[in-house]
PDB file of N, CA and C in Angstrom:
ATOM      1  N   UNK A   1      91.133 160.004 134.160  1.00  0.00           N
ATOM      2  CA  UNK A   1      89.824 160.525 134.524  1.00  0.00           C
ATOM      3  C   UNK A   1      90.001 161.780 135.364  1.00  0.00           C
ATOM      4  N   UNK A   2      89.216 162.782 135.116  1.00  0.00           N
ATOM      5  CA  UNK A   2      89.427 164.031 135.833  1.00  0.00           C
ATOM      6  C   UNK A   2      89.006 163.987 137.298  1.00  0.00           C
ATOM      7  N   UNK A   3      88.024 163.161 137.660  1.00  0.00           N
ATOM      8  CA  UNK A   3      87.535 163.176 139.026  1.00  0.00           C
ATOM      9  C   UNK A   3      88.243 162.159 139.913  1.00  0.00           C
ATOM     10  N   UNK A   4      88.650 161.057 139.344  1.00  0.00           N
ATOM     11  CA  UNK A   4      89.359 160.036 140.114  1.00  0.00           C
ATOM     12  C   UNK A   4      90.740 159.861 139.528  1.00  0.00           C
ATOM     13  N   UNK A   5      91.731 159.880 140.374  1.00  0.00           N
ATOM     14  CA  UNK A   5      93.086 159.631 139.903  1.00  0.00           C
ATOM     15  C   UNK A   5      93.323 158.133 139.980  1.00  0.00           C
ATOM     16  N   UNK A   6      92.798 157.437 138.985  1.00  0.00           N
ATOM     17  CA  UNK A   6      92.779 155.983 138.989  1.00  0.00           C
ATOM     18  C   UNK A   6      94.176 155.394 138.929  1.00  0.00           C
ATOM     19  N   UNK A   7      95.077 156.018 138.190  1.00  0.00           N
ATOM     20  CA  UNK A   7      96.427 155.478 138.087  1.00  0.00           C
ATOM     21  C   UNK A   7      97.132 155.466 139.440  1.00  0.00           C
ATOM     22  N   UNK A   8      96.992 156.544 140.200  1.00  0.00           N
ATOM     23  CA  UNK A   8      97.632 156.582 141.520  1.00  0.00           C
ATOM     24  C   UNK A   8      96.982 155.606 142.485  1.00  0.00           C
ATOM     25  N   UNK A   9      95.668 155.453 142.395  1.00  0.00           N
ATOM     26  CA  UNK A   9      94.972 154.526 143.291  1.00  0.00           C
ATOM     27  C   UNK A   9      95.387 153.084 143.027  1.00  0.00           C
ATOM     28  N   UNK A  10      95.597 152.751 141.758  1.00  0.00           N
ATOM     29  CA  UNK A  10      95.986 151.392 141.414  1.00  0.00           C
ATOM     30  C   UNK A  10      97.495 151.169 141.473  1.00  0.00           C
ATOM     31  N   UNK A  11      98.245 152.243 141.598  1.00  0.00           N
ATOM     32  CA  UNK A  11      99.693 152.127 141.694  1.00  0.00           C
ATOM     33  C   UNK A  11     100.376 151.852 140.366  1.00  0.00           C
ATOM     34  N   UNK A  12      99.752 152.265 139.269  1.00  0.00           N
ATOM     35  CA  UNK A  12     100.363 152.084 137.962  1.00  0.00           C
ATOM     36  C   UNK A  12     100.663 153.448 137.361  1.00  0.00           C
ATOM     37  N   UNK A  13     101.598 153.460 136.448  1.00  0.00           N
ATOM     38  CA  UNK A  13     101.957 154.708 135.790  1.00  0.00           C
ATOM     39  C   UNK A  13     102.113 154.421 134.305  1.00  0.00           C
ATOM     40  N   UNK A  14     101.029 154.575 133.567  1.00  0.00           N
ATOM     41  CA  UNK A  14     100.989 154.178 132.168  1.00  0.00           C
ATOM     42  C   UNK A  14     101.644 155.201 131.261  1.00  0.00           C
ATOM     43  N   UNK A  15     101.476 156.475 131.544  1.00  0.00           N
ATOM     44  CA  UNK A  15     101.903 157.500 130.597  1.00  0.00           C
ATOM     45  C   UNK A  15     103.160 158.248 131.001  1.00  0.00           C
ATOM     46  N   UNK A  16     103.912 157.803 131.980  1.00  0.00           N
ATOM     47  CA  UNK A  16     105.115 158.530 132.369  1.00  0.00           C
ATOM     48  C   UNK A  16     106.209 158.440 131.319  1.00  0.00           C
ATOM     49  N   UNK A  17     106.206 157.392 130.507  1.00  0.00           N
ATOM     50  CA  UNK A  17     107.236 157.258 129.476  1.00  0.00           C
ATOM     51  C   UNK A  17     107.061 158.290 128.368  1.00  0.00           C
ATOM     52  N   UNK A  18     105.884 158.918 128.284  1.00  0.00           N
ATOM     53  CA  UNK A  18     105.665 159.916 127.246  1.00  0.00           C
ATOM     54  C   UNK A  18     106.483 161.180 127.490  1.00  0.00           C
ATOM     55  N   UNK A  19     106.612 161.562 128.738  1.00  0.00           N
ATOM     56  CA  UNK A  19     107.310 162.793 129.087  1.00  0.00           C
ATOM     57  C   UNK A  19     108.560 162.437 129.880  1.00  0.00           C
ATOM     58  N   UNK A  20     109.655 162.327 129.212  1.00  0.00           N
ATOM     59  CA  UNK A  20     110.890 161.878 129.853  1.00  0.00           C
ATOM     60  C   UNK A  20     111.427 162.883 130.853  1.00  0.00           C
ATOM     61  N   UNK A  21     111.473 164.134 130.458  1.00  0.00           N
ATOM     62  CA  UNK A  21     112.108 165.139 131.286  1.00  0.00           C
ATOM     63  C   UNK A  21     111.202 165.653 132.402  1.00  0.00           C
ATOM     64  N   UNK A  22     109.902 165.470 132.269  1.00  0.00           N
ATOM     65  CA  UNK A  22     108.973 166.008 133.254  1.00  0.00           C
ATOM     66  C   UNK A  22     108.736 165.073 134.427  1.00  0.00           C
ATOM     67  N   UNK A  23     109.308 163.900 134.368  1.00  0.00           N
ATOM     68  CA  UNK A  23     109.141 162.941 135.464  1.00  0.00           C
ATOM     69  C   UNK A  23     109.885 163.459 136.699  1.00  0.00           C
ATOM     70  N   UNK A  24     109.524 163.003 137.888  1.00  0.00           N
ATOM     71  CA  UNK A  24     110.259 163.416 139.080  1.00  0.00           C
ATOM     72  C   UNK A  24     111.733 163.036 138.959  1.00  0.00           C
ATOM     73  N   UNK A  25     112.595 163.989 139.194  1.00  0.00           N
ATOM     74  CA  UNK A  25     114.028 163.786 139.041  1.00  0.00           C
ATOM     75  C   UNK A  25     114.686 163.609 140.406  1.00  0.00           C
ATOM     76  N   UNK A  26     115.786 162.883 140.437  1.00  0.00           N
ATOM     77  CA  UNK A  26     116.512 162.774 141.700  1.00  0.00           C
ATOM     78  C   UNK A  26     117.054 164.136 142.119  1.00  0.00           C
ATOM     79  N   UNK A  27     117.102 164.370 143.377  1.00  0.00           N
ATOM     80  CA  UNK A  27     117.579 165.626 143.970  1.00  0.00           C
ATOM     81  C   UNK A  27     116.704 166.818 143.604  1.00  0.00           C
ATOM     82  N   UNK A  28     115.519 166.572 143.034  1.00  0.00           N
ATOM     83  CA  UNK A  28     114.531 167.594 142.725  1.00  0.00           C
ATOM     84  C   UNK A  28     115.071 168.725 141.850  1.00  0.00           C
ATOM     85  N   UNK A  29     115.979 168.411 140.940  1.00  0.00           N
ATOM     86  CA  UNK A  29     116.502 169.393 140.002  1.00  0.00           C
ATOM     87  C   UNK A  29     115.918 169.111 138.634  1.00  0.00           C
ATOM     88  N   UNK A  30     115.580 170.150 137.903  1.00  0.00           N
ATOM     89  CA  UNK A  30     115.002 169.981 136.577  1.00  0.00           C
ATOM     90  C   UNK A  30     116.025 169.353 135.639  1.00  0.00           C
ATOM     91  N   UNK A  31     115.545 168.521 134.752  1.00  0.00           N
ATOM     92  CA  UNK A  31     116.416 167.869 133.787  1.00  0.00           C
ATOM     93  C   UNK A  31     116.922 168.882 132.770  1.00  0.00           C
ATOM     94  N   UNK A  32     117.925 168.496 132.033  1.00  0.00           N
ATOM     95  CA  UNK A  32     118.594 169.397 131.107  1.00  0.00           C
ATOM     96  C   UNK A  32     117.652 169.926 130.024  1.00  0.00           C
ATOM     97  N   UNK A  33     116.841 169.066 129.448  1.00  0.00           N
ATOM     98  CA  UNK A  33     115.974 169.456 128.327  1.00  0.00           C
ATOM     99  C   UNK A  33     114.532 169.698 128.765  1.00  0.00           C
ATOM    100  N   UNK A  34     114.316 169.893 130.030  1.00  0.00           N
ATOM    101  CA  UNK A  34     112.959 170.069 130.547  1.00  0.00           C
ATOM    102  C   UNK A  34     112.251 171.267 129.913  1.00  0.00           C
ATOM    103  N   UNK A  35     112.962 172.356 129.740  1.00  0.00           N
ATOM    104  CA  UNK A  35     112.341 173.566 129.187  1.00  0.00           C
ATOM    105  C   UNK A  35     111.887 173.347 127.742  1.00  0.00           C
ATOM    106  N   UNK A  36     112.686 172.636 126.961  1.00  0.00           N
ATOM    107  CA  UNK A  36     112.311 172.371 125.571  1.00  0.00           C
ATOM    108  C   UNK A  36     111.106 171.441 125.498  1.00  0.00           C
ATOM    109  N   UNK A  37     111.092 170.432 126.363  1.00  0.00           N
ATOM    110  CA  UNK A  37     109.949 169.524 126.374  1.00  0.00           C
ATOM    111  C   UNK A  37     108.684 170.251 126.804  1.00  0.00           C
ATOM    112  N   UNK A  38     108.818 171.118 127.769  1.00  0.00           N
ATOM    113  CA  UNK A  38     107.659 171.867 128.252  1.00  0.00           C
ATOM    114  C   UNK A  38     107.087 172.772 127.159  1.00  0.00           C
ATOM    115  N   UNK A  39     107.957 173.435 126.400  1.00  0.00           N
ATOM    116  CA  UNK A  39     107.492 174.277 125.293  1.00  0.00           C
ATOM    117  C   UNK A  39     106.754 173.447 124.251  1.00  0.00           C
ATOM    118  N   UNK A  40     107.290 172.268 123.945  1.00  0.00           N
ATOM    119  CA  UNK A  40     106.664 171.396 122.952  1.00  0.00           C
ATOM    120  C   UNK A  40     105.294 170.918 123.415  1.00  0.00           C
ATOM    121  N   UNK A  41     105.189 170.519 124.682  1.00  0.00           N
ATOM    122  CA  UNK A  41     103.916 170.039 125.223  1.00  0.00           C
ATOM    123  C   UNK A  41     102.901 171.175 125.288  1.00  0.00           C
ATOM    124  N   UNK A  42     103.329 172.359 125.729  1.00  0.00           N
ATOM    125  CA  UNK A  42     102.412 173.499 125.799  1.00  0.00           C
ATOM    126  C   UNK A  42     101.946 173.921 124.412  1.00  0.00           C
ATOM    127  N   UNK A  43     102.816 173.801 123.423  1.00  0.00           N
ATOM    128  CA  UNK A  43     102.419 174.162 122.052  1.00  0.00           C
ATOM    129  C   UNK A  43     101.352 173.206 121.541  1.00  0.00           C
ATOM    130  N   UNK A  44     101.512 171.924 121.775  1.00  0.00           N
ATOM    131  CA  UNK A  44     100.585 170.937 121.244  1.00  0.00           C
ATOM    132  C   UNK A  44      99.343 170.716 122.069  1.00  0.00           C
ATOM    133  N   UNK A  45      99.297 171.282 123.265  1.00  0.00           N
ATOM    134  CA  UNK A  45      98.145 171.071 124.145  1.00  0.00           C
ATOM    135  C   UNK A  45      96.905 171.710 123.541  1.00  0.00           C
ATOM    136  N   UNK A  46      95.867 170.933 123.400  1.00  0.00           N
ATOM    137  CA  UNK A  46      94.605 171.440 122.907  1.00  0.00           C
ATOM    138  C   UNK A  46      94.461 171.410 121.396  1.00  0.00           C
ATOM    139  N   UNK A  47      95.532 171.095 120.687  1.00  0.00           N
ATOM    140  CA  UNK A  47      95.463 170.978 119.237  1.00  0.00           C
ATOM    141  C   UNK A  47      95.264 169.515 118.882  1.00  0.00           C
ATOM    142  N   UNK A  48      94.787 169.272 117.719  1.00  0.00           N
ATOM    143  CA  UNK A  48      94.707 167.900 117.248  1.00  0.00           C
ATOM    144  C   UNK A  48      96.095 167.391 116.880  1.00  0.00           C
ATOM    145  N   UNK A  49      96.232 166.082 116.725  1.00  0.00           N
ATOM    146  CA  UNK A  49      97.536 165.506 116.444  1.00  0.00           C
ATOM    147  C   UNK A  49      98.113 166.012 115.126  1.00  0.00           C
ATOM    148  N   UNK A  50      97.297 166.060 114.094  1.00  0.00           N
ATOM    149  CA  UNK A  50      97.781 166.504 112.785  1.00  0.00           C
ATOM    150  C   UNK A  50      98.203 167.960 112.817  1.00  0.00           C
ATOM    151  N   UNK A  51      97.389 168.793 113.417  1.00  0.00           N
ATOM    152  CA  UNK A  51      97.699 170.224 113.487  1.00  0.00           C
ATOM    153  C   UNK A  51      98.899 170.485 114.394  1.00  0.00           C
ATOM    154  N   UNK A  52      99.012 169.743 115.492  1.00  0.00           N
ATOM    155  CA  UNK A  52     100.131 169.923 116.412  1.00  0.00           C
ATOM    156  C   UNK A  52     101.447 169.529 115.747  1.00  0.00           C
ATOM    157  N   UNK A  53     101.440 168.475 114.944  1.00  0.00           N
ATOM    158  CA  UNK A  53     102.675 168.082 114.250  1.00  0.00           C
ATOM    159  C   UNK A  53     103.140 169.174 113.301  1.00  0.00           C
ATOM    160  N   UNK A  54     102.207 169.813 112.653  1.00  0.00           N
ATOM    161  CA  UNK A  54     102.550 170.850 111.680  1.00  0.00           C
ATOM    162  C   UNK A  54     102.982 172.143 112.380  1.00  0.00           C
ATOM    163  N   UNK A  55     102.255 172.572 113.380  1.00  0.00           N
ATOM    164  CA  UNK A  55     102.505 173.874 114.008  1.00  0.00           C
ATOM    165  C   UNK A  55     103.596 173.838 115.074  1.00  0.00           C
ATOM    166  N   UNK A  56     103.840 172.695 115.653  1.00  0.00           N
ATOM    167  CA  UNK A  56     104.817 172.609 116.748  1.00  0.00           C
ATOM    168  C   UNK A  56     106.119 171.946 116.321  1.00  0.00           C
ATOM    169  N   UNK A  57     106.353 171.873 115.030  1.00  0.00           N
ATOM    170  CA  UNK A  57     107.568 171.241 114.521  1.00  0.00           C
ATOM    171  C   UNK A  57     108.843 171.926 115.022  1.00  0.00           C
ATOM    172  N   UNK A  58     108.922 173.262 115.055  1.00  0.00           N
ATOM    173  CA  UNK A  58     110.160 173.886 115.577  1.00  0.00           C
ATOM    174  C   UNK A  58     110.442 173.532 117.038  1.00  0.00           C
ATOM    175  N   UNK A  59     109.408 173.492 117.877  1.00  0.00           N
ATOM    176  CA  UNK A  59     109.605 173.134 119.276  1.00  0.00           C
ATOM    177  C   UNK A  59     110.055 171.684 119.413  1.00  0.00           C
ATOM    178  N   UNK A  60     109.467 170.810 118.605  1.00  0.00           N
ATOM    179  CA  UNK A  60     109.846 169.399 118.648  1.00  0.00           C
ATOM    180  C   UNK A  60     111.288 169.210 118.187  1.00  0.00           C
ATOM    181  N   UNK A  61     111.698 169.928 117.139  1.00  0.00           N
ATOM    182  CA  UNK A  61     113.072 169.823 116.661  1.00  0.00           C
ATOM    183  C   UNK A  61     114.061 170.320 117.709  1.00  0.00           C
ATOM    184  N   UNK A  62     113.730 171.409 118.407  1.00  0.00           N
ATOM    185  CA  UNK A  62     114.594 171.898 119.481  1.00  0.00           C
ATOM    186  C   UNK A  62     114.717 170.871 120.597  1.00  0.00           C
ATOM    187  N   UNK A  63     113.607 170.245 120.947  1.00  0.00           N
ATOM    188  CA  UNK A  63     113.618 169.235 122.005  1.00  0.00           C
ATOM    189  C   UNK A  63     114.467 168.032 121.597  1.00  0.00           C
ATOM    190  N   UNK A  64     114.302 167.551 120.374  1.00  0.00           N
ATOM    191  CA  UNK A  64     115.086 166.398 119.909  1.00  0.00           C
ATOM    192  C   UNK A  64     116.564 166.745 119.779  1.00  0.00           C
ATOM    193  N   UNK A  65     116.863 167.975 119.386  1.00  0.00           N
ATOM    194  CA  UNK A  65     118.256 168.405 119.325  1.00  0.00           C
ATOM    195  C   UNK A  65     118.887 168.390 120.711  1.00  0.00           C
ATOM    196  N   UNK A  66     118.139 168.843 121.692  1.00  0.00           N
ATOM    197  CA  UNK A  66     118.645 168.839 123.060  1.00  0.00           C
ATOM    198  C   UNK A  66     118.816 167.408 123.577  1.00  0.00           C
ATOM    199  N   UNK A  67     117.869 166.538 123.267  1.00  0.00           N
ATOM    200  CA  UNK A  67     117.936 165.153 123.744  1.00  0.00           C
ATOM    201  C   UNK A  67     119.100 164.391 123.107  1.00  0.00           C
ATOM    202  N   UNK A  68     119.285 164.552 121.811  1.00  0.00           N
ATOM    203  CA  UNK A  68     120.286 163.756 121.099  1.00  0.00           C
ATOM    204  C   UNK A  68     121.603 164.506 120.866  1.00  0.00           C
ATOM    205  N   UNK A  69     121.602 165.790 121.158  1.00  0.00           N
ATOM    206  CA  UNK A  69     122.781 166.635 120.990  1.00  0.00           C
ATOM    207  C   UNK A  69     123.382 166.496 119.588  1.00  0.00           C
ATOM    208  N   UNK A  70     122.509 166.614 118.587  1.00  0.00           N
ATOM    209  CA  UNK A  70     122.904 166.374 117.208  1.00  0.00           C
ATOM    210  C   UNK A  70     123.677 167.555 116.602  1.00  0.00           C
ATOM    211  N   UNK A  71     123.356 168.773 116.970  1.00  0.00           N
ATOM    212  CA  UNK A  71     123.959 169.927 116.306  1.00  0.00           C
ATOM    213  C   UNK A  71     125.079 170.573 117.119  1.00  0.00           C
ATOM    214  N   UNK A  72     125.531 169.940 118.155  1.00  0.00           N
ATOM    215  CA  UNK A  72     126.587 170.550 118.964  1.00  0.00           C
ATOM    216  C   UNK A  72     127.883 170.593 118.223  1.00  0.00           C
TER     217      UNK A  72
END
């Protein structure tokens, strides 16, 4: 909800598992793939799910490559 931060008031965190790299990190250092995840989220923000999957595929592939280190 935009006016009440209900999750913080209740002490629950339902959607933190969606963004792995954007969560608070120990020692306050950005995670390795944070930049790729941020590009993917910014690309898909405001688009519908179907359109975001089609238009943000390169960003998602870069993020998954960084996470799984498939092409190293």
